[in-house]
PDB file of N, CA and C in Angstrom:
ATOM      1  N   MET A   1     -29.135  13.247 -18.204  1.00  0.00           N
ATOM      2  CA  MET A   1     -29.322  12.064 -17.387  1.00  0.00           C
ATOM      3  C   MET A   1     -28.000  11.620 -16.779  1.00  0.00           C
ATOM      4  N   THR A   2     -26.942  11.609 -17.578  1.00  0.00           N
ATOM      5  CA  THR A   2     -25.641  11.179 -17.079  1.00  0.00           C
ATOM      6  C   THR A   2     -25.133  12.126 -16.001  1.00  0.00           C
ATOM      7  N   ASP A   3     -25.352  13.440 -16.175  1.00  0.00           N
ATOM      8  CA  ASP A   3     -24.908  14.406 -15.176  1.00  0.00           C
ATOM      9  C   ASP A   3     -25.595  14.171 -13.839  1.00  0.00           C
ATOM     10  N   ARG A   4     -26.883  13.883 -13.869  1.00  0.00           N
ATOM     11  CA  ARG A   4     -27.610  13.592 -12.628  1.00  0.00           C
ATOM     12  C   ARG A   4     -27.084  12.326 -11.978  1.00  0.00           C
ATOM     13  N   ARG A   5     -26.847  11.313 -12.783  1.00  0.00           N
ATOM     14  CA  ARG A   5     -26.336  10.044 -12.267  1.00  0.00           C
ATOM     15  C   ARG A   5     -24.949  10.246 -11.655  1.00  0.00           C
ATOM     16  N   GLU A   6     -24.111  11.009 -12.335  1.00  0.00           N
ATOM     17  CA  GLU A   6     -22.760  11.299 -11.836  1.00  0.00           C
ATOM     18  C   GLU A   6     -22.832  12.094 -10.536  1.00  0.00           C
ATOM     19  N   GLN A   7     -23.696  13.088 -10.478  1.00  0.00           N
ATOM     20  CA  GLN A   7     -23.836  13.883  -9.263  1.00  0.00           C
ATOM     21  C   GLN A   7     -24.362  13.029  -8.117  1.00  0.00           C
ATOM     22  N   SER A   8     -25.285  12.127  -8.394  1.00  0.00           N
ATOM     23  CA  SER A   8     -25.796  11.224  -7.357  1.00  0.00           C
ATOM     24  C   SER A   8     -24.692  10.332  -6.826  1.00  0.00           C
ATOM     25  N   ARG A   9     -23.843   9.841  -7.722  1.00  0.00           N
ATOM     26  CA  ARG A   9     -22.734   8.982  -7.308  1.00  0.00           C
ATOM     27  C   ARG A   9     -21.740   9.767  -6.450  1.00  0.00           C
ATOM     28  N   ILE A  10     -21.449  10.996  -6.844  1.00  0.00           N
ATOM     29  CA  ILE A  10     -20.542  11.839  -6.068  1.00  0.00           C
ATOM     30  C   ILE A  10     -21.139  12.137  -4.698  1.00  0.00           C
ATOM     31  N   ASP A  11     -22.427  12.465  -4.654  1.00  0.00           N
ATOM     32  CA  ASP A  11     -23.092  12.722  -3.381  1.00  0.00           C
ATOM     33  C   ASP A  11     -23.032  11.504  -2.467  1.00  0.00           C
ATOM     34  N   ALA A  12     -23.204  10.315  -3.041  1.00  0.00           N
ATOM     35  CA  ALA A  12     -23.133   9.081  -2.252  1.00  0.00           C
ATOM     36  C   ALA A  12     -21.730   8.869  -1.701  1.00  0.00           C
ATOM     37  N   GLU A  13     -20.715   9.161  -2.495  1.00  0.00           N
ATOM     38  CA  GLU A  13     -19.329   9.022  -2.028  1.00  0.00           C
ATOM     39  C   GLU A  13     -19.033  10.014  -0.908  1.00  0.00           C
ATOM     40  N   ILE A  14     -19.530  11.226  -1.049  1.00  0.00           N
ATOM     41  CA  ILE A  14     -19.328  12.225   0.000  1.00  0.00           C
ATOM     42  C   ILE A  14     -20.004  11.769   1.288  1.00  0.00           C
ATOM     43  N   ALA A  15     -21.219  11.272   1.178  1.00  0.00           N
ATOM     44  CA  ALA A  15     -21.927  10.781   2.361  1.00  0.00           C
ATOM     45  C   ALA A  15     -21.205   9.600   2.989  1.00  0.00           C
ATOM     46  N   ARG A  16     -20.634   8.744   2.134  1.00  0.00           N
ATOM     47  CA  ARG A  16     -19.942   7.557   2.631  1.00  0.00           C
ATOM     48  C   ARG A  16     -18.658   7.917   3.369  1.00  0.00           C
ATOM     49  N   THR A  17     -18.066   9.046   3.034  1.00  0.00           N
ATOM     50  CA  THR A  17     -16.801   9.436   3.644  1.00  0.00           C
ATOM     51  C   THR A  17     -16.967  10.534   4.692  1.00  0.00           C
ATOM     52  N   THR A  18     -18.179  10.722   5.191  1.00  0.00           N
ATOM     53  CA  THR A  18     -18.393  11.718   6.234  1.00  0.00           C
ATOM     54  C   THR A  18     -17.758  11.245   7.536  1.00  0.00           C
ATOM     55  N   PRO A  19     -17.496  12.183   8.435  1.00  0.00           N
ATOM     56  CA  PRO A  19     -16.827  11.827   9.683  1.00  0.00           C
ATOM     57  C   PRO A  19     -17.521  10.697  10.432  1.00  0.00           C
ATOM     58  N   SER A  20     -16.699   9.838  11.016  1.00  0.00           N
ATOM     59  CA  SER A  20     -17.219   8.729  11.810  1.00  0.00           C
ATOM     60  C   SER A  20     -16.428   8.652  13.101  1.00  0.00           C
ATOM     61  N   ALA A  21     -16.719   7.664  13.924  1.00  0.00           N
ATOM     62  CA  ALA A  21     -16.027   7.470  15.191  1.00  0.00           C
ATOM     63  C   ALA A  21     -14.708   6.727  15.006  1.00  0.00           C
ATOM     64  N   ASP A  22     -14.380   6.320  13.796  1.00  0.00           N
ATOM     65  CA  ASP A  22     -13.155   5.576  13.521  1.00  0.00           C
ATOM     66  C   ASP A  22     -11.943   6.489  13.704  1.00  0.00           C
ATOM     67  N   PRO A  23     -11.034   6.168  14.649  1.00  0.00           N
ATOM     68  CA  PRO A  23      -9.881   7.041  14.885  1.00  0.00           C
ATOM     69  C   PRO A  23      -8.921   7.118  13.694  1.00  0.00           C
ATOM     70  N   PHE A  24      -8.781   6.035  12.923  1.00  0.00           N
ATOM     71  CA  PHE A  24      -7.920   6.068  11.740  1.00  0.00           C
ATOM     72  C   PHE A  24      -8.478   7.039  10.709  1.00  0.00           C
ATOM     73  N   ALA A  25      -9.777   6.960  10.465  1.00  0.00           N
ATOM     74  CA  ALA A  25     -10.413   7.859   9.500  1.00  0.00           C
ATOM     75  C   ALA A  25     -10.279   9.309   9.951  1.00  0.00           C
ATOM     76  N   ALA A  26     -10.432   9.553  11.236  1.00  0.00           N
ATOM     77  CA  ALA A  26     -10.291  10.915  11.754  1.00  0.00           C
ATOM     78  C   ALA A  26      -8.865  11.424  11.563  1.00  0.00           C
ATOM     79  N   ALA A  27      -7.879  10.561  11.777  1.00  0.00           N
ATOM     80  CA  ALA A  27      -6.478  10.955  11.605  1.00  0.00           C
ATOM     81  C   ALA A  27      -6.166  11.279  10.150  1.00  0.00           C
ATOM     82  N   VAL A  28      -6.671  10.473   9.229  1.00  0.00           N
ATOM     83  CA  VAL A  28      -6.434  10.714   7.801  1.00  0.00           C
ATOM     84  C   VAL A  28      -7.069  12.034   7.375  1.00  0.00           C
ATOM     85  N   ARG A  29      -8.269  12.310   7.866  1.00  0.00           N
ATOM     86  CA  ARG A  29      -8.937  13.565   7.524  1.00  0.00           C
ATOM     87  C   ARG A  29      -8.178  14.767   8.084  1.00  0.00           C
ATOM     88  N   ALA A  30      -7.607  14.621   9.280  1.00  0.00           N
ATOM     89  CA  ALA A  30      -7.010  15.751   9.975  1.00  0.00           C
ATOM     90  C   ALA A  30      -5.542  16.001   9.641  1.00  0.00           C
ATOM     91  N   THR A  31      -4.847  15.032   9.077  1.00  0.00           N
ATOM     92  CA  THR A  31      -3.417  15.202   8.830  1.00  0.00           C
ATOM     93  C   THR A  31      -3.133  16.324   7.846  1.00  0.00           C
ATOM     94  N   ARG A  32      -1.954  16.918   7.982  1.00  0.00           N
ATOM     95  CA  ARG A  32      -1.541  17.971   7.050  1.00  0.00           C
ATOM     96  C   ARG A  32      -0.949  17.379   5.778  1.00  0.00           C
ATOM     97  N   MET A  33      -0.702  16.062   5.781  1.00  0.00           N
ATOM     98  CA  MET A  33      -0.152  15.397   4.598  1.00  0.00           C
ATOM     99  C   MET A  33      -1.275  15.131   3.592  1.00  0.00           C
ATOM    100  N   PRO A  34      -1.123  15.574   2.352  1.00  0.00           N
ATOM    101  CA  PRO A  34      -2.161  15.324   1.345  1.00  0.00           C
ATOM    102  C   PRO A  34      -2.363  13.827   1.115  1.00  0.00           C
ATOM    103  N   MET A  35      -3.608  13.394   1.144  1.00  0.00           N
ATOM    104  CA  MET A  35      -3.928  11.978   0.943  1.00  0.00           C
ATOM    105  C   MET A  35      -5.171  11.825   0.093  1.00  0.00           C
ATOM    106  N   LEU A  36      -5.169  10.745  -0.697  1.00  0.00           N
ATOM    107  CA  LEU A  36      -6.375  10.357  -1.415  1.00  0.00           C
ATOM    108  C   LEU A  36      -6.473   8.845  -1.388  1.00  0.00           C
ATOM    109  N   ILE A  37      -7.682   8.361  -1.553  1.00  0.00           N
ATOM    110  CA  ILE A  37      -7.949   6.920  -1.584  1.00  0.00           C
ATOM    111  C   ILE A  37      -8.765   6.641  -2.832  1.00  0.00           C
ATOM    112  N   THR A  38      -8.389   5.578  -3.551  1.00  0.00           N
ATOM    113  CA  THR A  38      -9.144   5.162  -4.733  1.00  0.00           C
ATOM    114  C   THR A  38      -9.783   3.811  -4.462  1.00  0.00           C
ATOM    115  N   ASP A  39     -10.725   3.429  -5.297  1.00  0.00           N
ATOM    116  CA  ASP A  39     -11.393   2.135  -5.169  1.00  0.00           C
ATOM    117  C   ASP A  39     -11.123   1.309  -6.416  1.00  0.00           C
ATOM    118  N   PRO A  40     -10.135   0.408  -6.353  1.00  0.00           N
ATOM    119  CA  PRO A  40      -9.800  -0.405  -7.524  1.00  0.00           C
ATOM    120  C   PRO A  40     -10.871  -1.430  -7.875  1.00  0.00           C
ATOM    121  N   ASN A  41     -11.863  -1.589  -7.025  1.00  0.00           N
ATOM    122  CA  ASN A  41     -12.953  -2.525  -7.315  1.00  0.00           C
ATOM    123  C   ASN A  41     -14.025  -1.908  -8.207  1.00  0.00           C
ATOM    124  N   GLN A  42     -13.939  -0.608  -8.437  1.00  0.00           N
ATOM    125  CA  GLN A  42     -14.892   0.075  -9.309  1.00  0.00           C
ATOM    126  C   GLN A  42     -14.241   0.330 -10.666  1.00  0.00           C
ATOM    127  N   PRO A  43     -15.055   0.429 -11.710  1.00  0.00           N
ATOM    128  CA  PRO A  43     -14.499   0.721 -13.040  1.00  0.00           C
ATOM    129  C   PRO A  43     -13.695   2.022 -13.043  1.00  0.00           C
ATOM    130  N   ASP A  44     -12.539   2.003 -13.640  1.00  0.00           N
ATOM    131  CA  ASP A  44     -11.626   3.133 -13.814  1.00  0.00           C
ATOM    132  C   ASP A  44     -10.994   3.617 -12.505  1.00  0.00           C
ATOM    133  N   ASN A  45     -11.093   2.828 -11.434  1.00  0.00           N
ATOM    134  CA  ASN A  45     -10.397   3.115 -10.172  1.00  0.00           C
ATOM    135  C   ASN A  45     -10.617   4.556  -9.701  1.00  0.00           C
ATOM    136  N   PRO A  46     -11.863   4.953  -9.405  1.00  0.00           N
ATOM    137  CA  PRO A  46     -12.143   6.346  -9.060  1.00  0.00           C
ATOM    138  C   PRO A  46     -11.613   6.737  -7.681  1.00  0.00           C
ATOM    139  N   ILE A  47     -11.367   8.016  -7.514  1.00  0.00           N
ATOM    140  CA  ILE A  47     -10.996   8.566  -6.216  1.00  0.00           C
ATOM    141  C   ILE A  47     -12.261   8.597  -5.364  1.00  0.00           C
ATOM    142  N   VAL A  48     -12.189   8.028  -4.162  1.00  0.00           N
ATOM    143  CA  VAL A  48     -13.361   7.979  -3.291  1.00  0.00           C
ATOM    144  C   VAL A  48     -13.185   8.819  -2.028  1.00  0.00           C
ATOM    145  N   PHE A  49     -11.965   9.281  -1.778  1.00  0.00           N
ATOM    146  CA  PHE A  49     -11.722  10.127  -0.608  1.00  0.00           C
ATOM    147  C   PHE A  49     -10.522  11.024  -0.862  1.00  0.00           C
ATOM    148  N   VAL A  50     -10.619  12.269  -0.473  1.00  0.00           N
ATOM    149  CA  VAL A  50      -9.473  13.181  -0.421  1.00  0.00           C
ATOM    150  C   VAL A  50      -9.594  13.988   0.862  1.00  0.00           C
ATOM    151  N   ASN A  51      -8.458  14.270   1.476  1.00  0.00           N
ATOM    152  CA  ASN A  51      -8.527  15.114   2.662  1.00  0.00           C
ATOM    153  C   ASN A  51      -8.340  16.578   2.266  1.00  0.00           C
ATOM    154  N   ASN A  52      -8.524  17.462   3.233  1.00  0.00           N
ATOM    155  CA  ASN A  52      -8.433  18.896   2.944  1.00  0.00           C
ATOM    156  C   ASN A  52      -7.043  19.300   2.477  1.00  0.00           C
ATOM    157  N   ALA A  53      -6.005  18.636   3.005  1.00  0.00           N
ATOM    158  CA  ALA A  53      -4.637  18.961   2.591  1.00  0.00           C
ATOM    159  C   ALA A  53      -4.433  18.675   1.101  1.00  0.00           C
ATOM    160  N   PHE A  54      -5.041  17.612   0.600  1.00  0.00           N
ATOM    161  CA  PHE A  54      -4.926  17.291  -0.822  1.00  0.00           C
ATOM    162  C   PHE A  54      -5.625  18.356  -1.664  1.00  0.00           C
ATOM    163  N   SER A  55      -6.804  18.764  -1.233  1.00  0.00           N
ATOM    164  CA  SER A  55      -7.530  19.812  -1.960  1.00  0.00           C
ATOM    165  C   SER A  55      -6.745  21.115  -1.964  1.00  0.00           C
ATOM    166  N   LYS A  56      -6.148  21.441  -0.835  1.00  0.00           N
ATOM    167  CA  LYS A  56      -5.362  22.674  -0.748  1.00  0.00           C
ATOM    168  C   LYS A  56      -4.139  22.605  -1.665  1.00  0.00           C
ATOM    169  N   LEU A  57      -3.453  21.471  -1.689  1.00  0.00           N
ATOM    170  CA  LEU A  57      -2.266  21.305  -2.530  1.00  0.00           C
ATOM    171  C   LEU A  57      -2.597  21.422  -4.014  1.00  0.00           C
ATOM    172  N   THR A  58      -3.670  20.764  -4.433  1.00  0.00           N
ATOM    173  CA  THR A  58      -4.002  20.726  -5.857  1.00  0.00           C
ATOM    174  C   THR A  58      -4.824  21.924  -6.322  1.00  0.00           C
ATOM    175  N   GLY A  59      -5.535  22.561  -5.395  1.00  0.00           N
ATOM    176  CA  GLY A  59      -6.406  23.665  -5.772  1.00  0.00           C
ATOM    177  C   GLY A  59      -7.777  23.220  -6.249  1.00  0.00           C
ATOM    178  N   TYR A  60      -8.028  21.919  -6.231  1.00  0.00           N
ATOM    179  CA  TYR A  60      -9.327  21.380  -6.636  1.00  0.00           C
ATOM    180  C   TYR A  60     -10.223  21.197  -5.416  1.00  0.00           C
ATOM    181  N   ALA A  61     -11.506  21.483  -5.576  1.00  0.00           N
ATOM    182  CA  ALA A  61     -12.483  21.216  -4.521  1.00  0.00           C
ATOM    183  C   ALA A  61     -12.756  19.716  -4.460  1.00  0.00           C
ATOM    184  N   HIS A  62     -13.206  19.247  -3.307  1.00  0.00           N
ATOM    185  CA  HIS A  62     -13.520  17.826  -3.154  1.00  0.00           C
ATOM    186  C   HIS A  62     -14.468  17.343  -4.252  1.00  0.00           C
ATOM    187  N   THR A  63     -15.470  18.139  -4.549  1.00  0.00           N
ATOM    188  CA  THR A  63     -16.459  17.725  -5.550  1.00  0.00           C
ATOM    189  C   THR A  63     -15.871  17.624  -6.948  1.00  0.00           C
ATOM    190  N   GLU A  64     -14.777  18.335  -7.209  1.00  0.00           N
ATOM    191  CA  GLU A  64     -14.114  18.248  -8.511  1.00  0.00           C
ATOM    192  C   GLU A  64     -13.230  17.007  -8.615  1.00  0.00           C
ATOM    193  N   ILE A  65     -12.835  16.459  -7.479  1.00  0.00           N
ATOM    194  CA  ILE A  65     -11.904  15.333  -7.443  1.00  0.00           C
ATOM    195  C   ILE A  65     -12.620  13.994  -7.339  1.00  0.00           C
ATOM    196  N   LEU A  66     -13.584  13.911  -6.427  1.00  0.00           N
ATOM    197  CA  LEU A  66     -14.243  12.631  -6.157  1.00  0.00           C
ATOM    198  C   LEU A  66     -14.900  12.054  -7.403  1.00  0.00           C
ATOM    199  N   GLY A  67     -14.692  10.762  -7.594  1.00  0.00           N
ATOM    200  CA  GLY A  67     -15.289  10.069  -8.728  1.00  0.00           C
ATOM    201  C   GLY A  67     -14.409  10.038  -9.962  1.00  0.00           C
ATOM    202  N   ARG A  68     -13.317  10.786  -9.950  1.00  0.00           N
ATOM    203  CA  ARG A  68     -12.429  10.819 -11.113  1.00  0.00           C
ATOM    204  C   ARG A  68     -11.240   9.890 -10.896  1.00  0.00           C
ATOM    205  N   ASN A  69     -10.595   9.509 -11.980  1.00  0.00           N
ATOM    206  CA  ASN A  69      -9.366   8.734 -11.909  1.00  0.00           C
ATOM    207  C   ASN A  69      -8.206   9.703 -11.671  1.00  0.00           C
ATOM    208  N   CYS A  70      -7.150   9.237 -11.038  1.00  0.00           N
ATOM    209  CA  CYS A  70      -5.980  10.086 -10.748  1.00  0.00           C
ATOM    210  C   CYS A  70      -5.322  10.647 -12.003  1.00  0.00           C
ATOM    211  N   ARG A  71      -5.613  10.075 -13.148  1.00  0.00           N
ATOM    212  CA  ARG A  71      -5.005  10.561 -14.394  1.00  0.00           C
ATOM    213  C   ARG A  71      -5.295  12.031 -14.657  1.00  0.00           C
ATOM    214  N   PHE A  72      -6.393  12.547 -14.130  1.00  0.00           N
ATOM    215  CA  PHE A  72      -6.717  13.945 -14.410  1.00  0.00           C
ATOM    216  C   PHE A  72      -5.664  14.889 -13.823  1.00  0.00           C
ATOM    217  N   LEU A  73      -4.864  14.417 -12.883  1.00  0.00           N
ATOM    218  CA  LEU A  73      -3.824  15.243 -12.274  1.00  0.00           C
ATOM    219  C   LEU A  73      -2.569  15.343 -13.136  1.00  0.00           C
ATOM    220  N   GLN A  74      -2.471  14.537 -14.182  1.00  0.00           N
ATOM    221  CA  GLN A  74      -1.279  14.515 -15.022  1.00  0.00           C
ATOM    222  C   GLN A  74      -1.182  15.716 -15.955  1.00  0.00           C
ATOM    223  N   GLY A  75      -2.253  16.406 -16.166  1.00  0.00           N
ATOM    224  CA  GLY A  75      -2.236  17.571 -17.048  1.00  0.00           C
ATOM    225  C   GLY A  75      -2.416  17.190 -18.503  1.00  0.00           C
ATOM    226  N   PRO A  76      -2.263  18.186 -19.384  1.00  0.00           N
ATOM    227  CA  PRO A  76      -2.507  17.938 -20.808  1.00  0.00           C
ATOM    228  C   PRO A  76      -1.461  17.042 -21.459  1.00  0.00           C
TER     229      PRO A  76
END
């Protein structure tokens, strides 16, 4: 049940961050500089957006990153 709920939340975040007509959002998506955005209004401050440069730098797919706290990048 939790896995389904988590996947639904991730799917909603992906849908929420799909391309729009906003020029700022388009620039953030297109830049070569790795970027991520978190939502401090949600419990545990989850990552709600990453651009392709961030995924390339870290080696993680968007679906592996979205919904997690940045702490997972600190390693063991």
